[in-house]
């Protein structure tokens, strides 16, 4: 991993209820392919990007939460979106093998509409049925 590609602030979206000071670490199941245990923890410099991740995570049950976080180690562009889906890194999406420290919960993020949530449910179902849909882990 090279020098930090972004200076933040950074956000992580999840269905987990966390407190300031707690650490988020790799080793959890993917929200997109639950059979895959992730080797990295993912985050973004876009608050609403973390909101989308929180909403997707909460589709499996629970309440979406967005946290401002700080990386505790080096990080890199998320190869699942960088150049693969979006040239460069306009989503400012990153991943790290080192934990993220929760700084605070963020309340002012944009929630998805019921229609957008339904579209995500359908997209996730299609991804899970597509054996060629790969996660770069």
N, C-alpha and C. Protein backbone atom coordinates (compact mmCIF):
# COMPACT_ATOMS: atom_id res chain seq x y z
N UNK A 1 0.84 -1.18 0.00
CA UNK A 1 0.00 0.00 0.00
C UNK A 1 0.89 1.24 0.00
N UNK A 2 0.56 2.20 -0.83
CA UNK A 2 1.33 3.42 -0.96
C UNK A 2 0.89 4.44 0.09
N UNK A 3 1.42 5.65 -0.03
CA UNK A 3 1.02 6.74 0.85
C UNK A 3 -0.48 6.98 0.74
N UNK A 4 -1.05 7.53 1.78
CA UNK A 4 -2.49 7.77 1.84
C UNK A 4 -2.95 8.55 0.62
N UNK A 5 -3.92 7.99 -0.15
CA UNK A 5 -4.39 8.64 -1.36
C UNK A 5 -5.39 9.77 -1.11
N UNK A 6 -5.83 9.98 0.12
CA UNK A 6 -6.86 10.96 0.44
C UNK A 6 -6.66 11.36 1.90
N UNK A 7 -7.08 12.56 2.25
CA UNK A 7 -6.91 13.00 3.64
C UNK A 7 -8.22 13.04 4.42
N UNK A 8 -9.34 12.67 3.77
CA UNK A 8 -10.63 12.59 4.48
C UNK A 8 -11.27 13.94 4.67
N UNK A 9 -12.25 14.02 5.58
CA UNK A 9 -12.64 13.01 6.56
C UNK A 9 -13.20 11.75 5.90
N UNK A 10 -13.22 10.65 6.66
CA UNK A 10 -13.66 9.37 6.15
C UNK A 10 -14.89 8.88 6.89
N UNK A 11 -15.66 8.04 6.18
CA UNK A 11 -16.93 7.53 6.72
C UNK A 11 -17.06 6.04 6.43
N UNK A 12 -17.76 5.37 7.31
CA UNK A 12 -18.07 3.94 7.13
C UNK A 12 -19.56 3.76 7.41
N UNK A 13 -20.23 3.03 6.52
CA UNK A 13 -21.64 2.74 6.70
C UNK A 13 -21.84 1.29 7.08
N UNK A 14 -22.72 1.05 8.06
CA UNK A 14 -22.94 -0.29 8.59
C UNK A 14 -24.31 -0.36 9.27
N UNK A 15 -24.69 -1.56 9.65
CA UNK A 15 -25.89 -1.72 10.47
C UNK A 15 -25.53 -1.89 11.94
N UNK A 16 -24.23 -1.95 12.22
CA UNK A 16 -23.76 -2.11 13.60
C UNK A 16 -23.91 -0.81 14.37
N UNK A 17 -24.30 -0.92 15.63
CA UNK A 17 -24.39 0.25 16.50
C UNK A 17 -23.07 0.33 17.27
N UNK A 18 -22.34 1.43 17.08
CA UNK A 18 -20.99 1.56 17.62
C UNK A 18 -20.86 2.84 18.44
N UNK A 19 -19.80 2.88 19.23
CA UNK A 19 -19.49 4.05 20.05
C UNK A 19 -18.14 4.61 19.61
N UNK A 20 -17.93 5.90 19.88
CA UNK A 20 -16.64 6.53 19.60
C UNK A 20 -15.54 5.75 20.30
N UNK A 21 -14.44 5.54 19.59
CA UNK A 21 -13.30 4.81 20.13
C UNK A 21 -13.27 3.34 19.74
N UNK A 22 -14.41 2.77 19.36
CA UNK A 22 -14.42 1.37 18.94
C UNK A 22 -13.69 1.22 17.62
N UNK A 23 -13.21 0.00 17.38
CA UNK A 23 -12.49 -0.29 16.15
C UNK A 23 -13.34 -1.18 15.24
N UNK A 24 -13.33 -0.85 13.96
CA UNK A 24 -13.95 -1.68 12.92
C UNK A 24 -12.83 -2.43 12.23
N UNK A 25 -12.98 -3.73 12.08
CA UNK A 25 -11.90 -4.53 11.49
C UNK A 25 -12.43 -5.40 10.37
N UNK A 26 -11.51 -5.85 9.54
CA UNK A 26 -11.83 -6.81 8.48
C UNK A 26 -12.27 -8.13 9.12
N UNK A 27 -12.79 -9.02 8.28
CA UNK A 27 -13.17 -10.35 8.77
C UNK A 27 -14.66 -10.58 8.84
N UNK A 28 -15.44 -9.64 8.31
CA UNK A 28 -16.89 -9.80 8.29
C UNK A 28 -17.36 -10.22 6.91
N UNK A 29 -18.56 -10.73 6.82
CA UNK A 29 -19.12 -11.17 5.55
C UNK A 29 -19.47 -9.98 4.68
N UNK A 30 -19.32 -10.15 3.38
CA UNK A 30 -19.64 -9.12 2.41
C UNK A 30 -21.15 -8.87 2.38
N UNK A 31 -21.54 -7.61 2.23
CA UNK A 31 -22.95 -7.27 2.05
C UNK A 31 -23.44 -7.66 0.66
N UNK A 32 -22.51 -7.88 -0.26
CA UNK A 32 -22.86 -8.16 -1.65
C UNK A 32 -22.83 -9.65 -1.96
N UNK A 33 -21.90 -10.36 -1.33
CA UNK A 33 -21.79 -11.83 -1.49
C UNK A 33 -21.53 -12.39 -0.09
N UNK A 34 -22.58 -12.71 0.66
CA UNK A 34 -22.44 -13.12 2.07
C UNK A 34 -21.54 -14.34 2.30
N UNK A 35 -21.31 -15.12 1.26
CA UNK A 35 -20.43 -16.29 1.43
C UNK A 35 -18.95 -15.89 1.48
N UNK A 36 -18.65 -14.62 1.18
CA UNK A 36 -17.27 -14.14 1.17
C UNK A 36 -16.98 -13.39 2.47
N UNK A 37 -15.93 -13.83 3.18
CA UNK A 37 -15.45 -13.11 4.36
C UNK A 37 -14.39 -12.14 3.87
N UNK A 38 -14.57 -10.87 4.21
CA UNK A 38 -13.73 -9.82 3.65
C UNK A 38 -12.39 -9.70 4.38
N UNK A 39 -11.32 -9.54 3.60
CA UNK A 39 -9.97 -9.37 4.13
C UNK A 39 -9.64 -7.91 4.43
N UNK A 40 -10.53 -7.01 4.07
CA UNK A 40 -10.31 -5.57 4.24
C UNK A 40 -11.54 -4.94 4.90
N UNK A 41 -11.33 -3.77 5.48
CA UNK A 41 -12.44 -2.93 5.96
C UNK A 41 -12.54 -1.77 4.96
N UNK A 42 -13.75 -1.44 4.57
CA UNK A 42 -13.98 -0.47 3.50
C UNK A 42 -14.52 0.84 4.06
N UNK A 43 -14.16 1.94 3.40
CA UNK A 43 -14.63 3.25 3.83
C UNK A 43 -14.54 4.21 2.66
N UNK A 44 -15.10 5.39 2.83
CA UNK A 44 -15.15 6.39 1.77
C UNK A 44 -14.98 7.78 2.36
N UNK A 45 -14.60 8.71 1.52
CA UNK A 45 -14.54 10.11 1.92
C UNK A 45 -15.85 10.83 1.59
N UNK A 46 -16.83 10.10 1.06
CA UNK A 46 -18.14 10.68 0.73
C UNK A 46 -19.17 10.21 1.73
N UNK A 47 -19.70 11.14 2.50
CA UNK A 47 -20.69 10.82 3.54
C UNK A 47 -21.87 10.03 2.99
N UNK A 48 -22.42 10.46 1.86
CA UNK A 48 -23.58 9.75 1.31
C UNK A 48 -23.19 8.41 0.68
N UNK A 49 -21.92 8.25 0.31
CA UNK A 49 -21.45 6.94 -0.13
C UNK A 49 -21.49 5.95 1.03
N UNK A 50 -21.08 6.42 2.21
CA UNK A 50 -21.18 5.58 3.41
C UNK A 50 -22.64 5.34 3.75
N UNK A 51 -23.50 6.32 3.48
CA UNK A 51 -24.93 6.14 3.71
C UNK A 51 -25.50 5.04 2.85
N UNK A 52 -25.08 5.00 1.59
CA UNK A 52 -25.51 3.92 0.70
C UNK A 52 -25.06 2.57 1.24
N UNK A 53 -23.80 2.48 1.67
CA UNK A 53 -23.29 1.23 2.24
C UNK A 53 -24.08 0.83 3.48
N UNK A 54 -24.45 1.80 4.31
CA UNK A 54 -25.24 1.52 5.51
C UNK A 54 -26.61 0.99 5.14
N UNK A 55 -27.23 1.60 4.14
CA UNK A 55 -28.56 1.15 3.71
C UNK A 55 -28.49 -0.26 3.15
N UNK A 56 -27.46 -0.56 2.35
CA UNK A 56 -27.31 -1.90 1.79
C UNK A 56 -27.08 -2.92 2.91
N UNK A 57 -26.24 -2.57 3.89
CA UNK A 57 -26.00 -3.47 5.01
C UNK A 57 -27.28 -3.75 5.79
N UNK A 58 -28.10 -2.72 5.96
CA UNK A 58 -29.33 -2.85 6.75
C UNK A 58 -30.43 -3.62 6.01
N UNK A 59 -30.25 -3.85 4.72
CA UNK A 59 -31.24 -4.67 4.00
C UNK A 59 -31.32 -6.08 4.58
N UNK A 60 -30.23 -6.53 5.20
CA UNK A 60 -30.19 -7.85 5.82
C UNK A 60 -30.83 -7.84 7.21
N UNK A 61 -31.30 -6.67 7.64
CA UNK A 61 -31.91 -6.51 8.95
C UNK A 61 -31.11 -5.53 9.78
N UNK A 62 -31.80 -4.73 10.53
CA UNK A 62 -31.12 -3.74 11.37
C UNK A 62 -31.35 -2.33 10.88
N UNK A 63 -30.66 -1.41 11.51
CA UNK A 63 -30.78 0.02 11.24
C UNK A 63 -29.48 0.52 10.64
N UNK A 64 -29.56 1.32 9.57
CA UNK A 64 -28.33 1.85 8.98
C UNK A 64 -27.71 2.94 9.86
N UNK A 65 -26.38 2.89 9.97
CA UNK A 65 -25.62 3.90 10.71
C UNK A 65 -24.43 4.33 9.86
N UNK A 66 -24.10 5.60 9.97
CA UNK A 66 -22.90 6.14 9.31
C UNK A 66 -22.01 6.72 10.40
N UNK A 67 -20.73 6.37 10.33
CA UNK A 67 -19.75 6.83 11.31
C UNK A 67 -18.61 7.55 10.63
N UNK A 68 -18.15 8.62 11.25
CA UNK A 68 -16.88 9.21 10.83
C UNK A 68 -15.81 8.34 11.45
N UNK A 69 -14.83 7.95 10.64
CA UNK A 69 -13.79 7.03 11.09
C UNK A 69 -12.41 7.57 10.72
N UNK A 70 -11.39 7.00 11.36
CA UNK A 70 -10.03 7.31 10.96
C UNK A 70 -9.28 6.00 10.77
N UNK A 71 -8.58 5.88 9.67
CA UNK A 71 -7.77 4.68 9.45
C UNK A 71 -6.64 4.63 10.48
N UNK A 72 -6.33 3.42 10.96
CA UNK A 72 -5.23 3.24 11.91
C UNK A 72 -3.96 2.74 11.22
N UNK A 73 -4.05 2.54 9.92
CA UNK A 73 -2.91 2.06 9.15
C UNK A 73 -3.04 2.49 7.71
N UNK A 74 -2.16 1.99 6.86
CA UNK A 74 -2.20 2.36 5.44
C UNK A 74 -3.47 1.86 4.77
N UNK A 75 -3.85 2.54 3.68
CA UNK A 75 -5.03 2.14 2.91
C UNK A 75 -4.79 2.39 1.44
N UNK A 76 -5.65 1.81 0.63
CA UNK A 76 -5.53 1.90 -0.82
C UNK A 76 -6.90 2.14 -1.44
N UNK A 77 -6.91 2.54 -2.72
CA UNK A 77 -8.17 2.65 -3.45
C UNK A 77 -8.87 1.29 -3.45
N UNK A 78 -10.18 1.30 -3.37
CA UNK A 78 -10.96 0.06 -3.43
C UNK A 78 -10.97 -0.44 -4.87
N UNK A 79 -10.31 -1.55 -5.16
CA UNK A 79 -10.23 -2.03 -6.54
C UNK A 79 -11.56 -2.56 -7.08
N UNK A 80 -12.55 -2.73 -6.22
CA UNK A 80 -13.85 -3.20 -6.68
C UNK A 80 -14.61 -2.11 -7.43
N UNK A 81 -14.25 -0.86 -7.20
CA UNK A 81 -14.90 0.24 -7.93
C UNK A 81 -13.91 1.07 -8.73
N UNK A 82 -12.70 1.24 -8.22
CA UNK A 82 -11.71 2.08 -8.89
C UNK A 82 -11.28 1.47 -10.21
N UNK A 83 -11.44 2.21 -11.27
CA UNK A 83 -11.08 1.82 -12.63
C UNK A 83 -11.90 0.64 -13.16
N UNK A 84 -12.47 -0.15 -12.30
CA UNK A 84 -13.27 -1.29 -12.73
C UNK A 84 -14.68 -0.82 -13.14
N UNK A 85 -15.26 0.03 -12.31
CA UNK A 85 -16.59 0.56 -12.60
C UNK A 85 -16.55 2.05 -12.89
N UNK A 86 -15.62 2.75 -12.26
CA UNK A 86 -15.52 4.20 -12.41
C UNK A 86 -14.06 4.55 -12.65
N UNK A 87 -13.73 5.21 -13.78
CA UNK A 87 -12.34 5.60 -14.02
C UNK A 87 -11.82 6.50 -12.90
N UNK A 88 -10.60 6.23 -12.46
CA UNK A 88 -10.05 6.98 -11.33
C UNK A 88 -10.72 6.50 -10.05
N UNK A 89 -10.99 7.42 -9.15
CA UNK A 89 -11.70 7.06 -7.91
C UNK A 89 -12.67 8.16 -7.53
N UNK A 90 -13.68 8.44 -8.38
CA UNK A 90 -14.63 9.51 -8.06
C UNK A 90 -15.48 9.19 -6.83
N UNK A 91 -15.59 7.91 -6.47
CA UNK A 91 -16.35 7.54 -5.28
C UNK A 91 -15.54 7.71 -4.01
N UNK A 92 -14.23 8.00 -4.17
CA UNK A 92 -13.31 8.16 -3.04
C UNK A 92 -13.48 7.00 -2.06
N UNK A 93 -13.48 5.79 -2.63
CA UNK A 93 -13.67 4.55 -1.87
C UNK A 93 -12.32 3.90 -1.62
N UNK A 94 -12.12 3.44 -0.37
CA UNK A 94 -10.84 2.89 0.04
C UNK A 94 -11.03 1.61 0.84
N UNK A 95 -9.92 0.92 1.06
CA UNK A 95 -9.94 -0.26 1.91
C UNK A 95 -8.61 -0.38 2.62
N UNK A 96 -8.65 -1.10 3.74
CA UNK A 96 -7.45 -1.29 4.55
C UNK A 96 -7.51 -2.64 5.25
N UNK A 97 -6.36 -3.21 5.53
CA UNK A 97 -6.32 -4.40 6.37
C UNK A 97 -6.22 -4.00 7.84
N UNK A 98 -5.88 -2.73 8.10
CA UNK A 98 -5.81 -2.20 9.47
C UNK A 98 -7.20 -1.72 9.89
N UNK A 99 -7.48 -1.75 11.17
CA UNK A 99 -8.81 -1.30 11.64
C UNK A 99 -9.06 0.19 11.39
N UNK A 100 -10.34 0.55 11.47
CA UNK A 100 -10.78 1.94 11.45
C UNK A 100 -11.25 2.28 12.86
N UNK A 101 -10.89 3.45 13.34
CA UNK A 101 -11.36 3.90 14.66
C UNK A 101 -12.60 4.78 14.46
N UNK A 102 -13.66 4.47 15.18
CA UNK A 102 -14.90 5.27 15.12
C UNK A 102 -14.66 6.57 15.88
N UNK A 103 -14.91 7.69 15.23
CA UNK A 103 -14.79 9.00 15.86
C UNK A 103 -16.14 9.48 16.41
N UNK A 104 -17.19 9.30 15.59
CA UNK A 104 -18.53 9.74 16.00
C UNK A 104 -19.55 9.20 15.01
N UNK A 105 -20.81 9.16 15.44
CA UNK A 105 -21.88 8.82 14.50
C UNK A 105 -22.29 10.09 13.76
N UNK A 106 -22.58 9.94 12.49
CA UNK A 106 -22.98 11.05 11.63
C UNK A 106 -24.48 10.90 11.36
N UNK A 107 -25.23 11.96 11.58
CA UNK A 107 -26.68 11.90 11.41
C UNK A 107 -27.15 12.52 10.08
N UNK A 108 -26.38 13.45 9.53
CA UNK A 108 -26.84 14.22 8.37
C UNK A 108 -26.34 13.62 7.06
N UNK A 109 -26.86 12.43 6.74
CA UNK A 109 -26.58 11.80 5.46
C UNK A 109 -27.90 11.54 4.76
N UNK A 110 -27.83 11.40 3.45
CA UNK A 110 -29.04 11.29 2.64
C UNK A 110 -29.54 9.85 2.61
N UNK A 111 -30.77 9.65 3.08
CA UNK A 111 -31.38 8.31 3.07
C UNK A 111 -31.89 7.99 1.66
N UNK A 112 -31.89 6.70 1.34
CA UNK A 112 -32.44 6.26 0.05
C UNK A 112 -33.96 6.29 0.10
N UNK A 113 -34.56 6.55 -1.05
CA UNK A 113 -36.01 6.49 -1.14
C UNK A 113 -36.46 5.03 -1.10
N UNK A 114 -37.71 4.76 -0.80
CA UNK A 114 -38.19 3.37 -0.85
C UNK A 114 -37.97 2.73 -2.22
N UNK A 115 -38.11 3.50 -3.29
CA UNK A 115 -37.89 2.98 -4.64
C UNK A 115 -36.42 2.61 -4.84
N UNK A 116 -35.51 3.45 -4.38
CA UNK A 116 -34.09 3.16 -4.50
C UNK A 116 -33.71 1.94 -3.66
N UNK A 117 -34.29 1.81 -2.48
CA UNK A 117 -34.03 0.62 -1.66
C UNK A 117 -34.49 -0.64 -2.37
N UNK A 118 -35.63 -0.57 -3.01
CA UNK A 118 -36.13 -1.73 -3.75
C UNK A 118 -35.19 -2.08 -4.91
N UNK A 119 -34.70 -1.06 -5.60
CA UNK A 119 -33.75 -1.30 -6.69
C UNK A 119 -32.47 -1.97 -6.17
N UNK A 120 -32.00 -1.56 -5.00
CA UNK A 120 -30.82 -2.18 -4.42
C UNK A 120 -31.10 -3.62 -4.02
N UNK A 121 -32.29 -3.90 -3.49
CA UNK A 121 -32.65 -5.29 -3.17
C UNK A 121 -32.58 -6.16 -4.42
N UNK A 122 -33.09 -5.63 -5.52
CA UNK A 122 -33.08 -6.37 -6.78
C UNK A 122 -31.66 -6.53 -7.31
N UNK A 123 -30.84 -5.50 -7.21
CA UNK A 123 -29.45 -5.58 -7.66
C UNK A 123 -28.67 -6.62 -6.86
N UNK A 124 -28.87 -6.61 -5.54
CA UNK A 124 -28.17 -7.58 -4.68
C UNK A 124 -28.60 -9.00 -5.00
N UNK A 125 -29.88 -9.20 -5.24
CA UNK A 125 -30.37 -10.54 -5.61
C UNK A 125 -29.71 -10.99 -6.90
N UNK A 126 -29.60 -10.09 -7.88
CA UNK A 126 -28.97 -10.44 -9.16
C UNK A 126 -27.48 -10.75 -8.98
N UNK A 127 -26.80 -9.97 -8.15
CA UNK A 127 -25.37 -10.20 -7.90
C UNK A 127 -25.18 -11.57 -7.26
N UNK A 128 -26.02 -11.88 -6.30
CA UNK A 128 -25.87 -13.15 -5.57
C UNK A 128 -26.16 -14.36 -6.45
N UNK A 129 -26.95 -14.17 -7.49
CA UNK A 129 -27.25 -15.27 -8.42
C UNK A 129 -26.22 -15.38 -9.54
N UNK A 130 -25.40 -14.37 -9.71
CA UNK A 130 -24.42 -14.34 -10.79
C UNK A 130 -23.08 -14.89 -10.31
N UNK A 131 -22.75 -16.11 -10.70
CA UNK A 131 -21.50 -16.73 -10.27
C UNK A 131 -20.26 -15.99 -10.78
N UNK A 132 -20.41 -15.17 -11.81
CA UNK A 132 -19.26 -14.44 -12.33
C UNK A 132 -19.05 -13.11 -11.64
N UNK A 133 -19.98 -12.70 -10.75
CA UNK A 133 -19.84 -11.43 -10.02
C UNK A 133 -18.78 -11.62 -8.94
N UNK A 134 -17.62 -11.05 -9.19
CA UNK A 134 -16.45 -11.26 -8.32
C UNK A 134 -16.22 -10.08 -7.41
N UNK A 135 -15.77 -10.37 -6.19
CA UNK A 135 -15.29 -9.34 -5.28
C UNK A 135 -13.78 -9.50 -5.21
N UNK A 136 -13.06 -8.43 -5.47
CA UNK A 136 -11.60 -8.47 -5.33
C UNK A 136 -11.31 -8.36 -3.85
N UNK A 137 -10.92 -9.48 -3.27
CA UNK A 137 -10.74 -9.54 -1.81
C UNK A 137 -9.27 -9.51 -1.51
